[in-house]
Amino acid sequence: MKGKGKELTSYLAVFFWVSLVAFASFFIPSFLTYLPFFKLKEIKVDGNTYLDFSLIKPVVEDLSYNILKLNEDDIEKALNDRLGNSVERVILKKTYTSEGLVLELRIKERKPVARLKTGSGYVFVDRKGEIFVPPRGFEKIKVPLVVSDSPERLKENFGRIYRYILSSAMPIKKVVLKGDRTIVEGVSKRVILPPAENISDKVFSRLNLIYNFPQENVDLRYSRFILVRN
């Protein structure tokens, strides 16, 4: 009988401890936010060019109910949910002062390297192939339009398109992906390349080579020669 009593006491002790920890983890963070030391005093933002402070501040304020647990990943996710996936990275620094907590954020915005046509307008793509729809400001940036006859082809080959075409010396207005060719339209030149999946370092070198060619139409689909047309 004594053994069962000790066992019951142990269960009750464990239950009490777990309940106490759960209670503390739930109420203490909320309680601390009422103390001056843990109250949010100021939000500072650096590194943002197109995402205005007025767009970032309310997102961070909505997360400040639990200051102790607030971290970079939570802020980055919340910003991207609200601002169309426009943030690549967030670096957070917390400074506790007698007047409250100062949050310093360094924002790394996604840099568009191309835009894609959609049914309702355009979306941007960064160098990693991440699609984003910024709230405003980015429309001032002029980047090439990329068009494909197949979403799968575009998704599978965007890294190659960025590396071998969008990063070339040639000023580009538009890139069109088709099953048998890739068409690059520049300011004063039109270049035909092999299909996206077949574009290589050699094609990239030749594309940079013909940058100053006077001919308006150049065909680089053939490995042994360059076909030019006036």
Protein backbone atom coordinates (compact mmCIF):
# COMPACT_ATOMS: atom_id res chain seq x y z
CA MET A 1 0.00 0.00 0.00
CA LYS A 2 2.90 2.32 0.86
CA GLY A 3 4.48 1.58 -2.54
CA LYS A 4 1.32 2.66 -4.34
CA GLY A 5 1.20 5.81 -2.23
CA LYS A 6 4.76 6.74 -3.20
CA GLU A 7 3.99 6.00 -6.86
CA LEU A 8 0.92 8.26 -6.71
CA THR A 9 2.98 10.99 -5.05
CA SER A 10 5.59 10.75 -7.82
CA TYR A 11 2.91 11.04 -10.53
CA LEU A 12 1.42 14.07 -8.79
CA ALA A 13 4.84 15.70 -8.48
CA VAL A 14 5.57 15.18 -12.19
CA PHE A 15 2.11 16.46 -13.12
CA PHE A 16 2.58 19.53 -10.92
CA TRP A 17 6.02 20.25 -12.43
CA VAL A 18 4.78 19.91 -16.03
CA SER A 19 1.78 22.13 -15.26
CA LEU A 20 4.02 24.73 -13.62
CA VAL A 21 6.39 24.82 -16.62
CA ALA A 22 3.45 25.09 -19.06
CA PHE A 23 1.93 27.87 -16.97
CA ALA A 24 5.22 29.76 -16.79
CA SER A 25 5.99 29.42 -20.49
CA PHE A 26 2.55 30.74 -21.38
CA PHE A 27 2.13 33.61 -18.91
CA ILE A 28 5.64 34.81 -18.10
CA PRO A 29 6.52 36.10 -21.65
CA SER A 30 3.24 38.02 -21.72
CA PHE A 31 3.84 39.34 -18.20
CA LEU A 32 7.36 40.51 -19.04
CA THR A 33 6.08 42.71 -21.87
CA TYR A 34 4.39 44.86 -19.19
CA LEU A 35 7.75 45.58 -17.57
CA PRO A 36 9.49 48.72 -18.91
CA PHE A 37 12.69 46.80 -19.61
CA PHE A 38 10.93 44.40 -21.99
CA LYS A 39 8.54 46.82 -23.66
CA LEU A 40 9.16 47.58 -27.32
CA LYS A 41 10.63 51.07 -27.41
CA GLU A 42 11.80 51.45 -31.00
CA ILE A 43 12.16 49.65 -34.32
CA LYS A 44 15.09 50.56 -36.57
CA VAL A 45 15.37 49.30 -40.14
CA ASP A 46 18.42 49.35 -42.38
CA GLY A 47 19.24 47.95 -45.82
CA ASN A 48 15.78 48.46 -47.31
CA THR A 49 15.61 50.32 -50.62
CA TYR A 50 12.18 49.60 -52.06
CA LEU A 51 10.34 48.23 -49.04
CA ASP A 52 9.33 51.32 -47.09
CA PHE A 53 9.67 51.48 -43.31
CA SER A 54 5.93 52.08 -43.07
CA LEU A 55 5.35 48.59 -44.56
CA ILE A 56 7.86 46.82 -42.31
CA LYS A 57 7.06 48.41 -38.94
CA PRO A 58 3.47 47.12 -38.45
CA VAL A 59 4.53 43.57 -39.33
CA VAL A 60 7.20 43.60 -36.62
CA GLU A 61 4.87 45.26 -34.11
CA ASP A 62 2.34 42.46 -34.61
CA LEU A 63 5.03 39.97 -33.54
CA SER A 64 6.19 41.92 -30.51
CA TYR A 65 3.64 40.31 -28.16
CA ASN A 66 6.34 37.76 -27.36
CA ILE A 67 9.57 39.74 -27.36
CA LEU A 68 11.71 37.02 -25.78
CA LYS A 69 10.99 34.47 -28.49
CA LEU A 70 11.05 36.91 -31.42
CA ASN A 71 13.71 35.79 -33.91
CA GLU A 72 14.95 36.42 -37.46
CA ASP A 73 13.08 33.50 -39.02
CA ASP A 74 9.73 34.62 -37.59
CA ILE A 75 10.23 38.17 -38.85
CA GLU A 76 11.39 37.04 -42.29
CA LYS A 77 8.39 34.74 -42.70
CA ALA A 78 5.92 37.39 -41.52
CA LEU A 79 7.40 40.02 -43.85
CA ASN A 80 7.29 37.67 -46.83
CA ASP A 81 3.70 36.67 -46.07
CA ARG A 82 2.70 40.33 -45.99
CA LEU A 83 5.03 41.74 -48.66
CA GLY A 84 4.85 39.19 -51.45
CA ASN A 85 8.00 37.17 -50.68
CA SER A 86 10.17 40.26 -51.27
CA VAL A 87 12.67 39.66 -48.45
CA GLU A 88 15.68 37.40 -48.90
CA ARG A 89 17.09 37.66 -45.39
CA VAL A 90 16.61 39.42 -42.05
CA ILE A 91 19.33 40.08 -39.47
CA LEU A 92 18.00 40.98 -36.01
CA LYS A 93 19.74 42.72 -33.11
CA LYS A 94 18.02 43.26 -29.73
CA THR A 95 19.21 46.00 -27.39
CA TYR A 96 17.66 46.17 -23.92
CA THR A 97 17.64 49.63 -22.34
CA SER A 98 16.12 51.05 -19.18
CA GLU A 99 13.42 52.63 -21.35
CA GLY A 100 12.59 49.48 -23.28
CA LEU A 101 13.74 47.18 -26.08
CA VAL A 102 15.19 48.48 -29.35
CA LEU A 103 14.90 46.14 -32.34
CA GLU A 104 17.40 46.75 -35.13
CA LEU A 105 16.63 44.99 -38.41
CA ARG A 106 18.86 44.72 -41.42
CA ILE A 107 16.75 43.78 -44.42
CA LYS A 108 18.17 42.16 -47.52
CA GLU A 109 15.61 42.62 -50.27
CA ARG A 110 15.33 40.26 -53.19
CA LYS A 111 16.93 41.76 -56.28
CA PRO A 112 14.93 41.15 -59.47
CA VAL A 113 16.88 39.87 -62.46
CA ALA A 114 13.83 39.21 -64.66
CA ARG A 115 10.07 39.59 -64.77
CA LEU A 116 7.41 37.11 -65.85
CA LYS A 117 4.05 37.85 -67.43
CA THR A 118 1.04 36.57 -65.53
CA GLY A 119 -2.68 36.87 -66.08
CA SER A 120 -2.94 39.89 -63.80
CA GLY A 121 0.34 41.61 -64.62
CA TYR A 122 3.96 40.81 -63.83
CA VAL A 123 5.94 39.06 -61.12
CA PHE A 124 9.66 39.31 -60.48
CA VAL A 125 12.31 36.61 -60.22
CA ASP A 126 15.60 36.84 -58.32
CA ARG A 127 18.89 35.12 -59.20
CA LYS A 128 17.87 32.00 -57.24
CA GLY A 129 14.65 31.63 -59.20
CA GLU A 130 12.46 32.81 -56.31
CA ILE A 131 9.27 34.49 -57.51
CA PHE A 132 8.10 37.56 -55.62
CA VAL A 133 5.42 40.22 -55.95
CA PRO A 134 6.54 43.35 -54.09
CA PRO A 135 3.86 45.79 -52.90
CA ARG A 136 5.35 48.81 -54.63
CA GLY A 137 8.60 50.43 -55.70
CA PHE A 138 10.16 47.60 -57.67
CA GLU A 139 8.29 48.58 -60.83
CA LYS A 140 10.90 51.31 -61.28
CA ILE A 141 13.55 48.66 -61.96
CA LYS A 142 13.89 47.71 -65.61
CA VAL A 143 14.69 44.02 -65.98
CA PRO A 144 14.29 41.67 -68.96
CA LEU A 145 10.99 39.95 -69.63
CA VAL A 146 11.25 36.13 -69.76
CA VAL A 147 8.57 34.21 -71.67
CA SER A 148 8.26 30.44 -71.99
CA ASP A 149 5.95 28.09 -73.86
CA SER A 150 6.14 25.77 -70.84
CA PRO A 151 6.16 26.65 -67.11
CA GLU A 152 8.11 23.45 -66.45
CA ARG A 153 10.80 24.42 -68.94
CA LEU A 154 11.16 27.81 -67.32
CA LYS A 155 11.35 26.36 -63.81
CA GLU A 156 13.90 23.71 -64.74
CA ASN A 157 16.15 26.06 -66.70
CA PHE A 158 15.91 29.43 -65.00
CA GLY A 159 19.28 28.99 -63.28
CA ARG A 160 20.86 28.33 -66.65
CA ILE A 161 19.07 31.32 -68.21
CA TYR A 162 20.34 33.59 -65.47
CA ARG A 163 23.90 32.32 -65.60
CA TYR A 164 24.36 32.21 -69.37
CA ILE A 165 22.00 34.89 -70.73
CA LEU A 166 20.89 37.42 -68.14
CA SER A 167 24.46 37.73 -66.82
CA SER A 168 25.96 38.35 -70.26
CA ALA A 169 27.35 41.69 -71.46
CA MET A 170 24.55 42.08 -73.99
CA PRO A 171 21.77 44.52 -72.95
CA ILE A 172 18.65 42.34 -72.99
CA LYS A 173 15.00 43.28 -73.26
CA LYS A 174 13.35 39.89 -73.65
CA VAL A 175 14.12 36.16 -73.55
CA VAL A 176 11.76 33.64 -75.14
CA LEU A 177 12.08 29.92 -74.35
CA LYS A 178 10.80 27.47 -76.94
CA GLY A 179 11.22 23.74 -77.42
CA ASP A 180 13.76 24.02 -80.26
CA ARG A 181 15.39 27.37 -79.54
CA THR A 182 15.91 30.28 -77.19
CA ILE A 183 15.41 33.77 -78.57
CA VAL A 184 17.21 36.72 -77.01
CA GLU A 185 16.04 40.19 -77.97
CA GLY A 186 18.42 43.02 -77.20
CA VAL A 187 18.20 46.74 -77.71
CA SER A 188 19.37 46.50 -81.33
CA LYS A 189 20.01 42.80 -81.82
CA ARG A 190 18.13 39.51 -82.00
CA VAL A 191 20.03 36.32 -81.17
CA ILE A 192 18.86 32.73 -81.57
CA LEU A 193 20.39 30.21 -79.18
CA PRO A 194 19.96 26.45 -78.68
CA PRO A 195 17.12 25.22 -76.40
CA ALA A 196 17.59 26.35 -72.80
CA GLU A 197 18.69 22.92 -71.58
CA ASN A 198 21.54 22.91 -74.13
CA ILE A 199 22.99 26.34 -73.39
CA SER A 200 26.52 26.02 -72.00
CA ASP A 201 29.70 27.95 -71.21
CA LYS A 202 30.62 27.87 -74.89
CA VAL A 203 27.34 29.48 -75.92
CA PHE A 204 27.80 32.09 -73.17
CA SER A 205 31.26 32.98 -74.51
CA ARG A 206 29.95 33.30 -78.05
CA LEU A 207 27.05 35.46 -76.90
CA ASN A 208 29.52 37.89 -75.32
CA LEU A 209 31.67 37.68 -78.44
CA ILE A 210 28.96 38.88 -80.82
CA TYR A 211 27.91 41.72 -78.52
CA ASN A 212 29.56 44.30 -80.82
CA PHE A 213 28.60 42.64 -84.12
CA PRO A 214 26.87 45.16 -86.42
CA GLN A 215 24.41 42.54 -87.66
CA GLU A 216 20.94 42.72 -86.17
CA ASN A 217 20.17 38.97 -86.40
CA VAL A 218 22.63 36.34 -85.18
CA ASP A 219 22.11 32.59 -84.97
CA LEU A 220 24.29 30.72 -82.43
CA ARG A 221 22.57 27.34 -82.58
CA TYR A 222 25.41 25.76 -84.53
CA SER A 223 28.60 24.79 -82.75
CA ARG A 224 31.03 25.26 -85.64
CA PHE A 225 29.93 28.61 -87.07
CA ILE A 226 28.00 31.78 -86.38
CA LEU A 227 25.20 32.58 -88.80
CA VAL A 228 24.53 36.28 -89.28
CA ARG A 229 21.78 38.06 -91.17
CA ASN A 230 21.32 41.72 -91.96
